[in-house]
């Protein structure tokens, strides 16, 4: 959020414990990347949304479904981000397919 309002790119201080949790816990890392993608999408920061969505999609396959409702929310917003990136990028087909996969995931919840 600080980057989006123009203050700083990264916090000046993160504890060793925070870094360790992000490095070792895939569920936390996945949630962190989702929050980055979501926040960037809400503020219409295209490059950051794409970056965090790619990182999220790399992690989500290895994440244990411990919060099933959270996964439905993630599927919804990652789908929105994917379709947005598909419209704005040169590799739109790949992102369109990701959006369609998110749509299918949401149909499972309906």
N, C-alpha and C. Protein backbone atom coordinates (compact mmCIF):
# COMPACT_ATOMS: atom_id res chain seq x y z
N UNK A 1 0.83 -1.18 0.00
CA UNK A 1 0.00 0.00 0.00
C UNK A 1 0.87 1.24 0.00
N UNK A 2 1.98 1.21 0.74
CA UNK A 2 2.85 2.39 0.80
C UNK A 2 3.38 2.75 -0.58
N UNK A 3 3.73 1.76 -1.38
CA UNK A 3 4.22 2.02 -2.73
C UNK A 3 3.14 2.67 -3.57
N UNK A 4 1.91 2.21 -3.42
CA UNK A 4 0.83 2.73 -4.23
C UNK A 4 0.49 4.17 -3.92
N UNK A 5 0.76 4.62 -2.69
CA UNK A 5 0.52 6.02 -2.37
C UNK A 5 1.78 6.87 -2.53
N UNK A 6 2.86 6.23 -3.02
CA UNK A 6 4.07 6.97 -3.35
C UNK A 6 5.03 7.19 -2.20
N UNK A 7 4.87 6.51 -1.08
CA UNK A 7 5.74 6.73 0.06
C UNK A 7 7.04 5.96 -0.06
N UNK A 8 6.97 4.66 -0.08
CA UNK A 8 8.16 3.83 -0.19
C UNK A 8 7.82 2.58 -0.99
N UNK A 9 8.85 1.95 -1.54
CA UNK A 9 8.60 0.72 -2.28
C UNK A 9 8.46 -0.47 -1.35
N UNK A 10 9.30 -0.56 -0.35
CA UNK A 10 9.22 -1.66 0.60
C UNK A 10 9.38 -1.09 2.01
N UNK A 11 8.81 -1.77 2.98
CA UNK A 11 9.03 -1.30 4.36
C UNK A 11 10.52 -1.33 4.69
N UNK A 12 10.94 -0.39 5.50
CA UNK A 12 12.36 -0.31 5.85
C UNK A 12 12.78 -1.44 6.77
N UNK A 13 11.84 -1.99 7.52
CA UNK A 13 12.20 -3.02 8.47
C UNK A 13 11.23 -4.17 8.40
N UNK A 14 11.76 -5.35 8.23
CA UNK A 14 10.99 -6.57 8.42
C UNK A 14 11.86 -7.47 9.29
N UNK A 15 11.23 -8.09 10.24
CA UNK A 15 11.98 -8.92 11.19
C UNK A 15 12.45 -10.21 10.53
N UNK A 16 13.42 -10.83 11.16
CA UNK A 16 13.92 -12.12 10.68
C UNK A 16 12.82 -13.16 10.74
N UNK A 17 11.96 -13.06 11.74
CA UNK A 17 10.85 -14.00 11.87
C UNK A 17 9.87 -13.86 10.70
N UNK A 18 9.57 -12.61 10.31
CA UNK A 18 8.69 -12.39 9.17
C UNK A 18 9.28 -12.98 7.89
N UNK A 19 10.55 -12.71 7.68
CA UNK A 19 11.23 -13.24 6.49
C UNK A 19 11.24 -14.76 6.50
N UNK A 20 11.47 -15.35 7.67
CA UNK A 20 11.51 -16.80 7.79
C UNK A 20 10.14 -17.42 7.50
N UNK A 21 9.08 -16.80 8.01
CA UNK A 21 7.73 -17.32 7.76
C UNK A 21 7.41 -17.26 6.28
N UNK A 22 7.72 -16.14 5.63
CA UNK A 22 7.46 -16.02 4.20
C UNK A 22 8.29 -17.01 3.38
N UNK A 23 9.50 -17.30 3.85
CA UNK A 23 10.37 -18.21 3.11
C UNK A 23 9.98 -19.67 3.29
N UNK A 24 9.37 -20.01 4.42
CA UNK A 24 9.15 -21.43 4.72
C UNK A 24 7.68 -21.86 4.68
N UNK A 25 6.75 -20.94 4.74
CA UNK A 25 5.34 -21.31 4.81
C UNK A 25 4.64 -20.91 3.50
N UNK A 26 4.34 -21.91 2.68
CA UNK A 26 3.77 -21.64 1.37
C UNK A 26 2.37 -21.01 1.46
N UNK A 27 1.60 -21.37 2.47
CA UNK A 27 0.26 -20.77 2.63
C UNK A 27 0.36 -19.27 2.92
N UNK A 28 1.30 -18.91 3.76
CA UNK A 28 1.50 -17.49 4.08
C UNK A 28 2.01 -16.75 2.85
N UNK A 29 2.94 -17.36 2.13
CA UNK A 29 3.49 -16.74 0.92
C UNK A 29 2.37 -16.55 -0.12
N UNK A 30 1.51 -17.56 -0.27
CA UNK A 30 0.41 -17.46 -1.22
C UNK A 30 -0.53 -16.32 -0.84
N UNK A 31 -0.88 -16.24 0.44
CA UNK A 31 -1.76 -15.15 0.91
C UNK A 31 -1.10 -13.79 0.71
N UNK A 32 0.20 -13.71 0.95
CA UNK A 32 0.93 -12.47 0.76
C UNK A 32 0.88 -12.03 -0.70
N UNK A 33 1.13 -12.96 -1.62
CA UNK A 33 1.08 -12.62 -3.04
C UNK A 33 -0.34 -12.24 -3.48
N UNK A 34 -1.34 -12.93 -2.94
CA UNK A 34 -2.72 -12.58 -3.28
C UNK A 34 -3.02 -11.15 -2.82
N UNK A 35 -2.64 -10.82 -1.58
CA UNK A 35 -2.91 -9.47 -1.07
C UNK A 35 -2.23 -8.41 -1.93
N UNK A 36 -1.01 -8.70 -2.38
CA UNK A 36 -0.32 -7.77 -3.28
C UNK A 36 -1.06 -7.60 -4.59
N UNK A 37 -1.53 -8.72 -5.17
CA UNK A 37 -2.27 -8.66 -6.43
C UNK A 37 -3.58 -7.92 -6.25
N UNK A 38 -4.30 -8.21 -5.17
CA UNK A 38 -5.59 -7.59 -4.90
C UNK A 38 -5.45 -6.08 -4.72
N UNK A 39 -4.51 -5.69 -3.88
CA UNK A 39 -4.31 -4.26 -3.60
C UNK A 39 -3.88 -3.52 -4.86
N UNK A 40 -2.96 -4.11 -5.61
CA UNK A 40 -2.51 -3.48 -6.86
C UNK A 40 -3.65 -3.36 -7.85
N UNK A 41 -4.50 -4.38 -7.93
CA UNK A 41 -5.65 -4.35 -8.82
C UNK A 41 -6.62 -3.25 -8.41
N UNK A 42 -6.88 -3.12 -7.13
CA UNK A 42 -7.81 -2.09 -6.66
C UNK A 42 -7.30 -0.69 -6.99
N UNK A 43 -5.98 -0.51 -6.96
CA UNK A 43 -5.40 0.79 -7.27
C UNK A 43 -4.98 0.91 -8.73
N UNK A 44 -5.35 -0.09 -9.54
CA UNK A 44 -5.09 -0.13 -10.97
C UNK A 44 -3.61 0.00 -11.32
N UNK A 45 -2.78 -0.68 -10.54
CA UNK A 45 -1.35 -0.74 -10.82
C UNK A 45 -1.09 -2.02 -11.63
N UNK A 46 -1.11 -1.88 -12.95
CA UNK A 46 -1.07 -3.02 -13.86
C UNK A 46 0.16 -3.91 -13.65
N UNK A 47 1.36 -3.33 -13.67
CA UNK A 47 2.59 -4.13 -13.57
C UNK A 47 2.66 -4.89 -12.25
N UNK A 48 2.30 -4.23 -11.16
CA UNK A 48 2.32 -4.91 -9.86
C UNK A 48 1.26 -6.00 -9.79
N UNK A 49 0.08 -5.74 -10.33
CA UNK A 49 -0.97 -6.77 -10.34
C UNK A 49 -0.50 -8.00 -11.08
N UNK A 50 0.08 -7.79 -12.23
CA UNK A 50 0.57 -8.92 -13.04
C UNK A 50 1.67 -9.67 -12.29
N UNK A 51 2.60 -8.93 -11.71
CA UNK A 51 3.72 -9.55 -10.98
C UNK A 51 3.21 -10.42 -9.84
N UNK A 52 2.36 -9.85 -8.99
CA UNK A 52 1.87 -10.60 -7.83
C UNK A 52 0.95 -11.74 -8.23
N UNK A 53 0.16 -11.56 -9.29
CA UNK A 53 -0.71 -12.64 -9.75
C UNK A 53 0.12 -13.82 -10.26
N UNK A 54 1.21 -13.53 -10.97
CA UNK A 54 2.09 -14.61 -11.44
C UNK A 54 2.70 -15.35 -10.26
N UNK A 55 3.17 -14.62 -9.26
CA UNK A 55 3.74 -15.25 -8.07
C UNK A 55 2.69 -16.09 -7.34
N UNK A 56 1.48 -15.54 -7.22
CA UNK A 56 0.40 -16.26 -6.57
C UNK A 56 0.10 -17.56 -7.31
N UNK A 57 -0.01 -17.48 -8.62
CA UNK A 57 -0.34 -18.66 -9.41
C UNK A 57 0.76 -19.72 -9.35
N UNK A 58 2.00 -19.28 -9.18
CA UNK A 58 3.10 -20.23 -9.01
C UNK A 58 2.99 -20.99 -7.68
N UNK A 59 2.49 -20.32 -6.65
CA UNK A 59 2.42 -20.91 -5.31
C UNK A 59 1.15 -21.71 -5.05
N UNK A 60 0.04 -21.33 -5.66
CA UNK A 60 -1.26 -21.85 -5.26
C UNK A 60 -1.38 -23.36 -5.45
N UNK A 61 -0.69 -23.93 -6.41
CA UNK A 61 -0.78 -25.37 -6.64
C UNK A 61 -0.24 -26.20 -5.50
N UNK A 62 0.66 -25.64 -4.71
CA UNK A 62 1.28 -26.36 -3.61
C UNK A 62 0.72 -25.97 -2.25
N UNK A 63 -0.35 -25.21 -2.24
CA UNK A 63 -0.91 -24.72 -0.98
C UNK A 63 -2.04 -25.61 -0.52
N UNK A 64 -1.97 -26.03 0.70
CA UNK A 64 -3.02 -26.84 1.29
C UNK A 64 -4.27 -25.99 1.47
N UNK A 65 -5.40 -26.50 1.08
CA UNK A 65 -6.66 -25.75 1.14
C UNK A 65 -7.18 -25.68 2.57
N UNK A 66 -6.53 -24.86 3.39
CA UNK A 66 -6.91 -24.78 4.79
C UNK A 66 -8.06 -23.80 5.04
N UNK A 67 -8.24 -22.86 4.17
CA UNK A 67 -9.34 -21.91 4.30
C UNK A 67 -10.11 -21.91 2.98
N UNK A 68 -11.07 -22.81 2.87
CA UNK A 68 -11.74 -23.02 1.60
C UNK A 68 -12.47 -21.78 1.11
N UNK A 69 -13.12 -21.03 1.99
CA UNK A 69 -13.80 -19.82 1.57
C UNK A 69 -12.80 -18.82 1.01
N UNK A 70 -11.64 -18.75 1.62
CA UNK A 70 -10.60 -17.86 1.14
C UNK A 70 -10.21 -18.22 -0.29
N UNK A 71 -10.17 -19.51 -0.61
CA UNK A 71 -9.81 -19.92 -1.96
C UNK A 71 -10.86 -19.46 -2.98
N UNK A 72 -12.13 -19.43 -2.59
CA UNK A 72 -13.17 -18.95 -3.48
C UNK A 72 -12.99 -17.46 -3.76
N UNK A 73 -12.69 -16.70 -2.73
CA UNK A 73 -12.45 -15.26 -2.90
C UNK A 73 -11.22 -15.05 -3.77
N UNK A 74 -10.18 -15.82 -3.53
CA UNK A 74 -8.97 -15.71 -4.34
C UNK A 74 -9.27 -16.02 -5.80
N UNK A 75 -10.04 -17.08 -6.05
CA UNK A 75 -10.38 -17.45 -7.43
C UNK A 75 -11.12 -16.31 -8.12
N UNK A 76 -12.03 -15.66 -7.42
CA UNK A 76 -12.79 -14.55 -8.00
C UNK A 76 -11.87 -13.41 -8.42
N UNK A 77 -11.04 -12.94 -7.49
CA UNK A 77 -10.20 -11.79 -7.80
C UNK A 77 -9.05 -12.13 -8.75
N UNK A 78 -8.49 -13.31 -8.64
CA UNK A 78 -7.45 -13.70 -9.59
C UNK A 78 -8.06 -13.82 -10.99
N UNK A 79 -9.31 -14.26 -11.07
CA UNK A 79 -10.01 -14.28 -12.36
C UNK A 79 -10.16 -12.88 -12.93
N UNK A 80 -10.60 -11.92 -12.10
CA UNK A 80 -10.73 -10.53 -12.55
C UNK A 80 -9.38 -9.99 -13.02
N UNK A 81 -8.34 -10.23 -12.23
CA UNK A 81 -7.01 -9.74 -12.58
C UNK A 81 -6.54 -10.40 -13.88
N UNK A 82 -6.78 -11.69 -14.02
CA UNK A 82 -6.34 -12.40 -15.23
C UNK A 82 -7.01 -11.84 -16.48
N UNK A 83 -8.31 -11.60 -16.42
CA UNK A 83 -9.00 -11.05 -17.59
C UNK A 83 -8.53 -9.62 -17.88
N UNK A 84 -8.24 -8.86 -16.83
CA UNK A 84 -7.72 -7.50 -17.01
C UNK A 84 -6.36 -7.53 -17.68
N UNK A 85 -5.46 -8.40 -17.17
CA UNK A 85 -4.13 -8.52 -17.77
C UNK A 85 -4.24 -9.02 -19.21
N UNK A 86 -5.18 -9.94 -19.48
CA UNK A 86 -5.38 -10.46 -20.83
C UNK A 86 -5.73 -9.34 -21.81
N UNK A 87 -6.56 -8.40 -21.36
CA UNK A 87 -6.94 -7.28 -22.23
C UNK A 87 -5.78 -6.33 -22.49
N UNK A 88 -4.90 -6.17 -21.50
CA UNK A 88 -3.86 -5.15 -21.61
C UNK A 88 -2.50 -5.67 -22.08
N UNK A 89 -2.31 -7.00 -22.12
CA UNK A 89 -0.97 -7.50 -22.40
C UNK A 89 -0.89 -8.18 -23.76
N UNK A 90 0.35 -8.42 -24.19
CA UNK A 90 0.59 -9.12 -25.44
C UNK A 90 0.38 -10.61 -25.33
N UNK A 91 0.53 -11.16 -24.14
CA UNK A 91 0.34 -12.60 -23.95
C UNK A 91 -1.06 -12.86 -23.38
N UNK A 92 -2.06 -12.25 -24.01
CA UNK A 92 -3.42 -12.30 -23.52
C UNK A 92 -4.03 -13.69 -23.48
N UNK A 93 -3.65 -14.57 -24.41
CA UNK A 93 -4.25 -15.91 -24.43
C UNK A 93 -3.95 -16.67 -23.15
N UNK A 94 -2.72 -16.62 -22.68
CA UNK A 94 -2.34 -17.31 -21.45
C UNK A 94 -3.17 -16.78 -20.27
N UNK A 95 -3.31 -15.47 -20.19
CA UNK A 95 -4.05 -14.87 -19.08
C UNK A 95 -5.55 -15.13 -19.22
N UNK A 96 -6.03 -15.18 -20.45
CA UNK A 96 -7.44 -15.51 -20.67
C UNK A 96 -7.74 -16.92 -20.17
N UNK A 97 -6.83 -17.85 -20.44
CA UNK A 97 -6.99 -19.23 -19.96
C UNK A 97 -6.99 -19.28 -18.44
N UNK A 98 -6.12 -18.49 -17.81
CA UNK A 98 -6.10 -18.44 -16.34
C UNK A 98 -7.42 -17.92 -15.81
N UNK A 99 -7.97 -16.90 -16.46
CA UNK A 99 -9.26 -16.37 -16.05
C UNK A 99 -10.37 -17.40 -16.20
N UNK A 100 -10.33 -18.17 -17.29
CA UNK A 100 -11.33 -19.22 -17.49
C UNK A 100 -11.22 -20.30 -16.42
N UNK A 101 -9.97 -20.63 -16.01
CA UNK A 101 -9.79 -21.61 -14.93
C UNK A 101 -10.37 -21.09 -13.62
N UNK A 102 -10.20 -19.81 -13.37
CA UNK A 102 -10.79 -19.21 -12.16
C UNK A 102 -12.31 -19.26 -12.22
N UNK A 103 -12.86 -19.01 -13.39
CA UNK A 103 -14.31 -19.07 -13.57
C UNK A 103 -14.83 -20.49 -13.29
N UNK A 104 -14.11 -21.49 -13.78
CA UNK A 104 -14.51 -22.87 -13.53
C UNK A 104 -14.42 -23.20 -12.04
N UNK A 105 -13.38 -22.69 -11.39
CA UNK A 105 -13.25 -22.92 -9.94
C UNK A 105 -14.43 -22.33 -9.19
N UNK A 106 -14.88 -21.15 -9.63
CA UNK A 106 -16.03 -20.52 -8.97
C UNK A 106 -17.32 -21.30 -9.20
N UNK A 107 -17.45 -21.93 -10.35
CA UNK A 107 -18.64 -22.72 -10.61
C UNK A 107 -18.73 -23.89 -9.65
N UNK A 108 -17.59 -24.41 -9.21
CA UNK A 108 -17.60 -25.48 -8.21
C UNK A 108 -18.20 -25.00 -6.89
N UNK A 109 -18.03 -23.73 -6.61
CA UNK A 109 -18.53 -23.18 -5.34
C UNK A 109 -20.01 -22.84 -5.41
N UNK A 110 -20.54 -22.66 -6.63
CA UNK A 110 -21.94 -22.24 -6.79
C UNK A 110 -22.92 -23.35 -6.45
